[in-house]
Amino acid sequence: MLENLCDRSAEVASCQLEGEASFVEGITANALAVRFGPEGGSLILPLTQIPAVVEPTWSLEALVAPEGDGAQLQRDTIDWAGCLVGCPPDIPPVVFDPIEGRGWAPVVEAQRGTSFSSVGEVMMVLRGRSVDLLDLRTPGVDANAATF
């Protein structure tokens, strides 16, 4: 799912990286992953890229793998202030620290979605340190959510 959300072939990149974060080859040859170095970095995703946000309830999980000591992943508050109509309440931040072993981390758990497909300029920021973000999935919406 990450390679679909972060279409690097588009004229305007749909995802942004900041700090010590880089796109790397994912778990398969055509998959995309993000590597967060020991100094930390960020992946910024527009929520318009995640179709599940228009569902009555949505969740998002991240497949993560530690890359050394101090592996950490966090999601900042999702602030719906840029949402145009049908806006749900803000979603508080979540931190996974330390990360031990590869596995799925619940980045967003059963939150109310918006009932409109236009969510404006609402962004989700994932911050990481010494961790690989191998993929994202939306359980209950993504057809491949249970296959890993």
Protein backbone atom coordinates (compact mmCIF):
# COMPACT_ATOMS: atom_id res chain seq x y z
CA MET A 1 0.00 0.00 0.00
CA LEU A 2 2.89 2.39 0.72
CA GLU A 3 4.02 2.40 -2.91
CA ASN A 4 0.47 3.41 -3.95
CA LEU A 5 0.27 6.19 -1.37
CA CYS A 6 3.69 7.59 -2.21
CA ASP A 7 3.57 7.65 -6.00
CA ARG A 8 7.01 8.99 -6.84
CA SER A 9 6.27 8.93 -10.59
CA ALA A 10 3.71 11.74 -10.29
CA GLU A 11 4.68 15.34 -11.15
CA VAL A 12 3.97 16.38 -7.58
CA ALA A 13 5.05 13.82 -4.99
CA SER A 14 2.16 12.62 -2.85
CA CYS A 15 4.41 11.97 0.18
CA GLN A 16 7.18 14.07 1.63
CA LEU A 17 10.25 12.99 3.57
CA GLU A 18 12.07 15.16 6.09
CA GLY A 19 15.21 14.68 8.15
CA GLU A 20 16.98 11.34 8.03
CA ALA A 21 14.32 9.45 6.07
CA SER A 22 14.67 7.89 2.64
CA PHE A 23 12.72 5.68 0.27
CA VAL A 24 14.24 2.22 -0.10
CA GLU A 25 13.23 -1.05 -1.74
CA GLY A 26 10.51 -2.79 0.25
CA ILE A 27 9.87 -6.41 1.12
CA THR A 28 9.36 -7.30 -2.56
CA ALA A 29 11.06 -5.96 -5.69
CA ASN A 30 8.13 -3.65 -6.57
CA ALA A 31 7.40 -2.54 -3.00
CA LEU A 32 8.43 0.75 -1.44
CA ALA A 33 9.60 1.25 2.14
CA VAL A 34 10.86 4.17 4.21
CA ARG A 35 14.07 3.93 6.24
CA PHE A 36 14.34 6.25 9.23
CA GLY A 37 17.95 6.71 10.33
CA PRO A 38 19.28 7.03 13.90
CA GLU A 39 18.92 10.83 13.84
CA GLY A 40 15.21 10.50 13.01
CA GLY A 41 13.04 11.62 10.16
CA SER A 42 9.45 12.08 9.04
CA LEU A 43 7.05 10.78 6.40
CA ILE A 44 4.21 13.18 5.63
CA LEU A 45 1.14 11.69 3.93
CA PRO A 46 -1.95 13.57 2.79
CA LEU A 47 -5.03 11.76 4.12
CA THR A 48 -6.63 12.13 0.70
CA GLN A 49 -4.27 9.30 -0.32
CA ILE A 50 -5.86 6.87 2.18
CA PRO A 51 -9.28 5.78 0.85
CA ALA A 52 -10.30 4.30 4.21
CA VAL A 53 -10.69 7.75 5.82
CA VAL A 54 -14.11 8.12 4.17
CA GLU A 55 -15.39 4.96 5.87
CA PRO A 56 -17.56 5.34 9.00
CA THR A 57 -14.67 3.87 11.03
CA TRP A 58 -11.10 3.36 9.85
CA SER A 59 -7.82 1.95 11.12
CA LEU A 60 -4.27 2.04 9.80
CA GLU A 61 -1.40 -0.29 10.65
CA ALA A 62 2.30 0.05 9.86
CA LEU A 63 4.61 -2.89 9.27
CA VAL A 64 7.81 -1.91 11.04
CA ALA A 65 11.24 -3.48 11.57
CA PRO A 66 13.86 -2.08 13.96
CA GLU A 67 17.26 -1.15 12.54
CA GLY A 68 19.43 -0.89 15.62
CA ASP A 69 19.04 0.41 19.14
CA GLY A 70 16.45 3.02 20.01
CA ALA A 71 13.98 2.06 17.27
CA GLN A 72 10.90 4.24 17.57
CA LEU A 73 7.84 5.15 15.50
CA GLN A 74 5.27 7.77 16.33
CA ARG A 75 2.26 9.32 14.65
CA ASP A 76 1.58 12.96 15.38
CA THR A 77 -1.90 14.24 16.18
CA ILE A 78 -4.14 14.12 13.12
CA ASP A 79 -5.62 17.60 13.10
CA TRP A 80 -8.76 17.78 10.98
CA ALA A 81 -8.67 21.61 10.87
CA GLY A 82 -8.00 21.49 7.11
CA CYS A 83 -11.02 19.24 6.54
CA LEU A 84 -13.75 20.86 4.48
CA VAL A 85 -17.00 19.14 5.60
CA GLY A 86 -18.04 16.13 7.69
CA CYS A 87 -14.92 16.44 9.84
CA PRO A 88 -14.31 13.97 12.67
CA PRO A 89 -12.55 14.94 15.92
CA ASP A 90 -8.75 15.17 16.02
CA ILE A 91 -6.92 11.87 16.60
CA PRO A 92 -4.40 11.97 19.49
CA PRO A 93 -0.77 10.97 18.84
CA VAL A 94 0.60 7.49 19.41
CA VAL A 95 4.19 6.37 20.14
CA PHE A 96 5.76 2.92 19.76
CA ASP A 97 8.96 2.95 21.80
CA PRO A 98 10.90 0.75 21.79
CA ILE A 99 10.09 -1.39 18.78
CA GLU A 100 11.21 -4.96 19.26
CA GLY A 101 11.06 -7.22 16.23
CA ARG A 102 9.19 -6.90 12.98
CA GLY A 103 5.42 -6.57 13.22
CA TRP A 104 2.29 -4.52 12.61
CA ALA A 105 1.83 -1.42 14.77
CA PRO A 106 -1.68 0.10 15.12
CA VAL A 107 -1.03 3.68 13.95
CA VAL A 108 -4.76 4.60 13.89
CA GLU A 109 -7.25 2.40 15.75
CA ALA A 110 -10.98 2.42 14.96
CA GLN A 111 -11.35 6.17 14.48
CA ARG A 112 -14.35 7.91 12.98
CA GLY A 113 -13.86 8.77 9.33
CA THR A 114 -15.22 11.63 7.30
CA SER A 115 -18.30 11.05 5.20
CA PHE A 116 -16.95 13.15 2.33
CA SER A 117 -14.24 12.20 -0.12
CA SER A 118 -12.69 15.68 -0.03
CA VAL A 119 -10.76 15.99 3.23
CA GLY A 120 -8.86 19.11 2.17
CA GLU A 121 -5.26 19.51 3.25
CA VAL A 122 -5.25 17.14 6.24
CA MET A 123 -1.88 15.47 6.71
CA MET A 124 -0.63 12.52 8.74
CA VAL A 125 2.95 12.68 10.00
CA LEU A 126 4.85 9.51 10.91
CA ARG A 127 8.17 10.07 12.68
CA GLY A 128 10.74 7.35 13.08
CA ARG A 129 14.21 6.66 14.38
CA SER A 130 16.31 3.56 13.60
CA VAL A 131 13.34 1.78 12.02
CA ASP A 132 12.13 0.68 8.60
CA LEU A 133 8.51 1.35 7.68
CA LEU A 134 7.90 -1.59 5.35
CA ASP A 135 4.23 -1.10 4.51
CA LEU A 136 0.85 0.27 5.57
CA ARG A 137 -2.54 -1.45 5.61
CA THR A 138 -6.12 -0.55 6.45
CA PRO A 139 -7.68 -3.56 8.22
CA GLY A 140 -11.30 -4.14 7.29
CA VAL A 141 -10.94 -2.04 4.11
CA ASP A 142 -7.74 -3.23 2.44
CA ALA A 143 -8.22 -6.54 0.63
CA ASN A 144 -4.65 -7.54 1.55
CA ALA A 145 -4.86 -6.55 5.23
CA ALA A 146 -4.71 -10.10 6.57
CA THR A 147 -2.22 -11.59 4.14
CA PHE A 148 1.05 -10.77 5.88
